Amino acid sequence: MAELEHILHNNLYEVVKGNNNIKNKEDINYRKIVDQEYKRISNALYKSGICFIEPLQDQEYSDLRHAVGTLYGLGSYDSIHVTSMLVSGENSIAAVDGHFINVPHINSYGPSWGYQNDQNSTFKEYSDEIIDDIFDEYDSLNS
């Protein structure tokens, strides 16, 4: 859901700005338009039965999120998405940005799929060892 909000903020701005004479993203009318569209889309997704993974809030989760962000150069939202997926037993994501292709343990579907090299475009099965592998890789970075 954070990714949906991020996409809406980035993509609706140009459309809304042009149609409503809005000067910046802090404009209250722009935020209302984005909020309305976010609610419309998220309600449709929830009604369709699509599963949403909510981030966990414990120390291991925080440590894994930090390791994922550090190892693969992800921003905070992207590292939350990857970490939430992995602790929930999932390693596939559909996204419009290409940042997720930097994570060798996940399958990233969307426009970025075409830009991946042969190694990263191979389907990766989920394994319970992925999280341990990430911690091992992070520990070796810091040793």
C-alpha atoms as a PDB file:
ATOM      1  CA  MET A   1       0.000   0.000   0.000  1.00  0.00           C
ATOM      2  CA  ALA A   2       2.937   2.349   0.631  1.00  0.00           C
ATOM      3  CA  GLU A   3       4.163   1.613  -2.888  1.00  0.00           C
ATOM      4  CA  LEU A   4       0.713   2.472  -4.278  1.00  0.00           C
ATOM      5  CA  GLU A   5       0.756   5.778  -2.413  1.00  0.00           C
ATOM      6  CA  HIS A   6       4.289   6.516  -3.656  1.00  0.00           C
ATOM      7  CA  ILE A   7       3.287   5.799  -7.257  1.00  0.00           C
ATOM      8  CA  LEU A   8       0.195   7.982  -6.990  1.00  0.00           C
ATOM      9  CA  HIS A   9       2.155  10.905  -5.574  1.00  0.00           C
ATOM     10  CA  ASN A  10       4.741  10.701  -8.332  1.00  0.00           C
ATOM     11  CA  ASN A  11       2.464  10.009 -11.286  1.00  0.00           C
ATOM     12  CA  LEU A  12      -0.639  12.016 -10.447  1.00  0.00           C
ATOM     13  CA  TYR A  13       1.281  15.193  -9.731  1.00  0.00           C
ATOM     14  CA  GLU A  14       1.895  16.064 -13.384  1.00  0.00           C
ATOM     15  CA  VAL A  15      -1.694  15.250 -14.357  1.00  0.00           C
ATOM     16  CA  VAL A  16      -3.233  17.121 -11.437  1.00  0.00           C
ATOM     17  CA  LYS A  17      -0.853  20.054 -11.795  1.00  0.00           C
ATOM     18  CA  GLY A  18      -1.770  20.538 -15.439  1.00  0.00           C
ATOM     19  CA  ASN A  19      -5.525  20.214 -14.936  1.00  0.00           C
ATOM     20  CA  ASN A  20      -5.860  22.261 -11.737  1.00  0.00           C
ATOM     21  CA  ASN A  21      -3.173  24.968 -11.855  1.00  0.00           C
ATOM     22  CA  ILE A  22      -1.355  23.432  -8.864  1.00  0.00           C
ATOM     23  CA  LYS A  23       2.129  24.743  -8.156  1.00  0.00           C
ATOM     24  CA  ASN A  24       3.610  22.086  -5.818  1.00  0.00           C
ATOM     25  CA  LYS A  25       2.941  18.760  -4.108  1.00  0.00           C
ATOM     26  CA  GLU A  26       2.140  20.465  -0.806  1.00  0.00           C
ATOM     27  CA  ASP A  27      -0.947  22.125  -2.302  1.00  0.00           C
ATOM     28  CA  ILE A  28      -3.970  20.958  -0.262  1.00  0.00           C
ATOM     29  CA  ASN A  29      -6.072  20.298  -3.373  1.00  0.00           C
ATOM     30  CA  TYR A  30      -3.379  18.039  -4.800  1.00  0.00           C
ATOM     31  CA  ARG A  31      -3.183  16.034  -1.562  1.00  0.00           C
ATOM     32  CA  LYS A  32      -6.968  15.665  -1.526  1.00  0.00           C
ATOM     33  CA  ILE A  33      -6.979  14.367  -5.110  1.00  0.00           C
ATOM     34  CA  VAL A  34      -4.203  11.854  -4.347  1.00  0.00           C
ATOM     35  CA  ASP A  35      -5.982  10.756  -1.152  1.00  0.00           C
ATOM     36  CA  GLN A  36      -9.273  10.233  -3.005  1.00  0.00           C
ATOM     37  CA  GLU A  37      -7.567   8.180  -5.715  1.00  0.00           C
ATOM     38  CA  TYR A  38      -5.627   6.161  -3.122  1.00  0.00           C
ATOM     39  CA  LYS A  39      -8.848   5.339  -1.262  1.00  0.00           C
ATOM     40  CA  ARG A  40     -10.658   4.443  -4.492  1.00  0.00           C
ATOM     41  CA  ILE A  41      -7.910   2.067  -5.656  1.00  0.00           C
ATOM     42  CA  SER A  42      -7.194   0.517  -2.248  1.00  0.00           C
ATOM     43  CA  ASN A  43     -10.910  -0.124  -1.622  1.00  0.00           C
ATOM     44  CA  ALA A  44     -11.173  -1.854  -4.986  1.00  0.00           C
ATOM     45  CA  LEU A  45      -8.105  -3.977  -4.213  1.00  0.00           C
ATOM     46  CA  TYR A  46      -9.361  -4.967  -0.754  1.00  0.00           C
ATOM     47  CA  LYS A  47     -12.808  -5.848  -2.147  1.00  0.00           C
ATOM     48  CA  SER A  48     -11.181  -8.023  -4.806  1.00  0.00           C
ATOM     49  CA  GLY A  49      -9.599 -10.165  -2.079  1.00  0.00           C
ATOM     50  CA  ILE A  50      -5.998  -9.308  -2.918  1.00  0.00           C
ATOM     51  CA  CYS A  51      -3.738 -10.047   0.051  1.00  0.00           C
ATOM     52  CA  PHE A  52      -1.754  -7.206   1.596  1.00  0.00           C
ATOM     53  CA  ILE A  53       1.222  -7.900   3.811  1.00  0.00           C
ATOM     54  CA  GLU A  54       1.617  -5.486   6.706  1.00  0.00           C
ATOM     55  CA  PRO A  55       5.091  -4.862   8.154  1.00  0.00           C
ATOM     56  CA  LEU A  56       5.909  -6.534  11.444  1.00  0.00           C
ATOM     57  CA  GLN A  57       7.380  -4.497  14.267  1.00  0.00           C
ATOM     58  CA  ASP A  58      10.002  -6.432  16.192  1.00  0.00           C
ATOM     59  CA  GLN A  59      13.784  -6.316  16.530  1.00  0.00           C
ATOM     60  CA  GLU A  60      14.503  -9.122  14.047  1.00  0.00           C
ATOM     61  CA  TYR A  61      12.278  -7.403  11.488  1.00  0.00           C
ATOM     62  CA  SER A  62      14.081  -4.082  12.062  1.00  0.00           C
ATOM     63  CA  ASP A  63      17.492  -5.750  11.777  1.00  0.00           C
ATOM     64  CA  LEU A  64      16.480  -7.523   8.560  1.00  0.00           C
ATOM     65  CA  ARG A  65      15.041  -4.319   7.079  1.00  0.00           C
ATOM     66  CA  HIS A  66      18.286  -2.515   7.834  1.00  0.00           C
ATOM     67  CA  ALA A  67      20.384  -5.327   6.332  1.00  0.00           C
ATOM     68  CA  VAL A  68      18.226  -5.432   3.162  1.00  0.00           C
ATOM     69  CA  GLY A  69      18.452  -1.668   2.720  1.00  0.00           C
ATOM     70  CA  THR A  70      22.206  -1.611   3.303  1.00  0.00           C
ATOM     71  CA  LEU A  71      23.107  -4.615   1.158  1.00  0.00           C
ATOM     72  CA  TYR A  72      20.940  -3.795  -1.837  1.00  0.00           C
ATOM     73  CA  GLY A  73      20.853   0.007  -1.761  1.00  0.00           C
ATOM     74  CA  LEU A  74      17.111   0.264  -1.137  1.00  0.00           C
ATOM     75  CA  GLY A  75      15.305   3.207   0.395  1.00  0.00           C
ATOM     76  CA  SER A  76      13.244   2.751   3.525  1.00  0.00           C
ATOM     77  CA  TYR A  77       9.919   1.937   1.816  1.00  0.00           C
ATOM     78  CA  ASP A  78      11.488  -0.519  -0.611  1.00  0.00           C
ATOM     79  CA  SER A  79      13.388  -2.284   2.182  1.00  0.00           C
ATOM     80  CA  ILE A  80      10.125  -2.506   4.170  1.00  0.00           C
ATOM     81  CA  HIS A  81       8.416  -4.134   1.173  1.00  0.00           C
ATOM     82  CA  VAL A  82      11.167  -6.725   0.695  1.00  0.00           C
ATOM     83  CA  THR A  83      11.454  -7.486   4.415  1.00  0.00           C
ATOM     84  CA  SER A  84       7.681  -7.804   4.870  1.00  0.00           C
ATOM     85  CA  MET A  85       7.505 -10.197   1.937  1.00  0.00           C
ATOM     86  CA  LEU A  86      10.340 -12.385   3.148  1.00  0.00           C
ATOM     87  CA  VAL A  87       9.153 -12.730   6.757  1.00  0.00           C
ATOM     88  CA  SER A  88       5.699 -13.619   5.386  1.00  0.00           C
ATOM     89  CA  GLY A  89       7.131 -16.411   3.226  1.00  0.00           C
ATOM     90  CA  GLU A  90       6.933 -14.570  -0.105  1.00  0.00           C
ATOM     91  CA  ASN A  91       9.643 -13.459  -2.521  1.00  0.00           C
ATOM     92  CA  SER A  92       7.756 -12.046  -5.518  1.00  0.00           C
ATOM     93  CA  ILE A  93       6.606  -8.457  -6.026  1.00  0.00           C
ATOM     94  CA  ALA A  94       4.915  -6.467  -8.776  1.00  0.00           C
ATOM     95  CA  ALA A  95       6.253  -2.912  -8.913  1.00  0.00           C
ATOM     96  CA  VAL A  96       6.778  -0.159 -11.434  1.00  0.00           C
ATOM     97  CA  ASP A  97      10.263   0.846 -10.306  1.00  0.00           C
ATOM     98  CA  GLY A  98      13.466  -1.049 -10.923  1.00  0.00           C
ATOM     99  CA  HIS A  99      14.950  -0.933  -7.418  1.00  0.00           C
ATOM    100  CA  PHE A 100      13.830  -4.441  -6.524  1.00  0.00           C
ATOM    101  CA  ILE A 101      15.994  -6.073  -9.201  1.00  0.00           C
ATOM    102  CA  ASN A 102      18.977  -5.301  -6.947  1.00  0.00           C
ATOM    103  CA  VAL A 103      17.794  -7.969  -4.492  1.00  0.00           C
ATOM    104  CA  PRO A 104      19.052 -11.354  -5.710  1.00  0.00           C
ATOM    105  CA  HIS A 105      16.537 -13.304  -3.595  1.00  0.00           C
ATOM    106  CA  ILE A 106      13.286 -11.966  -5.058  1.00  0.00           C
ATOM    107  CA  ASN A 107      11.290 -11.979  -8.284  1.00  0.00           C
ATOM    108  CA  SER A 108      10.343  -8.470  -9.398  1.00  0.00           C
ATOM    109  CA  TYR A 109       7.590  -8.201 -12.005  1.00  0.00           C
ATOM    110  CA  GLY A 110       6.717  -5.045 -13.858  1.00  0.00           C
ATOM    111  CA  PRO A 111       8.435  -2.736 -16.340  1.00  0.00           C
ATOM    112  CA  SER A 112      11.796  -3.386 -14.674  1.00  0.00           C
ATOM    113  CA  TRP A 113      11.625  -7.063 -15.715  1.00  0.00           C
ATOM    114  CA  GLY A 114      12.866  -6.235 -19.211  1.00  0.00           C
ATOM    115  CA  TYR A 115      15.987  -4.505 -17.898  1.00  0.00           C
ATOM    116  CA  GLN A 116      17.266  -7.382 -15.828  1.00  0.00           C
ATOM    117  CA  ASN A 117      20.282  -9.347 -16.956  1.00  0.00           C
ATOM    118  CA  ASP A 118      20.061 -13.117 -17.432  1.00  0.00           C
ATOM    119  CA  GLN A 119      21.096 -13.892 -13.841  1.00  0.00           C
ATOM    120  CA  ASN A 120      18.430 -11.659 -12.295  1.00  0.00           C
ATOM    121  CA  SER A 121      15.670 -12.649 -14.695  1.00  0.00           C
ATOM    122  CA  THR A 122      15.708 -16.286 -13.587  1.00  0.00           C
ATOM    123  CA  PHE A 123      12.769 -17.260 -11.375  1.00  0.00           C
ATOM    124  CA  LYS A 124      13.814 -17.740  -7.752  1.00  0.00           C
ATOM    125  CA  GLU A 125      11.930 -20.157  -5.508  1.00  0.00           C
ATOM    126  CA  TYR A 126      11.184 -19.020  -1.955  1.00  0.00           C
ATOM    127  CA  SER A 127      13.301 -20.698   0.699  1.00  0.00           C
ATOM    128  CA  ASP A 128      13.329 -20.389   4.486  1.00  0.00           C
ATOM    129  CA  GLU A 129      17.103 -19.894   4.211  1.00  0.00           C
ATOM    130  CA  ILE A 130      16.806 -16.551   2.371  1.00  0.00           C
ATOM    131  CA  ILE A 131      16.629 -14.539   5.590  1.00  0.00           C
ATOM    132  CA  ASP A 132      19.604 -16.392   7.080  1.00  0.00           C
ATOM    133  CA  ASP A 133      21.542 -15.816   3.841  1.00  0.00           C
ATOM    134  CA  ILE A 134      20.837 -12.079   4.013  1.00  0.00           C
ATOM    135  CA  PHE A 135      22.012 -11.889   7.637  1.00  0.00           C
ATOM    136  CA  ASP A 136      25.145 -13.904   6.744  1.00  0.00           C
ATOM    137  CA  GLU A 137      25.883 -11.580   3.818  1.00  0.00           C
ATOM    138  CA  TYR A 138      25.337  -8.519   6.026  1.00  0.00           C
ATOM    139  CA  ASP A 139      27.560  -9.949   8.786  1.00  0.00           C
ATOM    140  CA  SER A 140      30.336 -10.657   6.265  1.00  0.00           C
ATOM    141  CA  LEU A 141      30.065  -7.050   5.025  1.00  0.00           C
ATOM    142  CA  ASN A 142      30.751  -5.844   8.563  1.00  0.00           C
ATOM    143  CA  SER A 143      33.527  -8.287   9.505  1.00  0.00           C
END
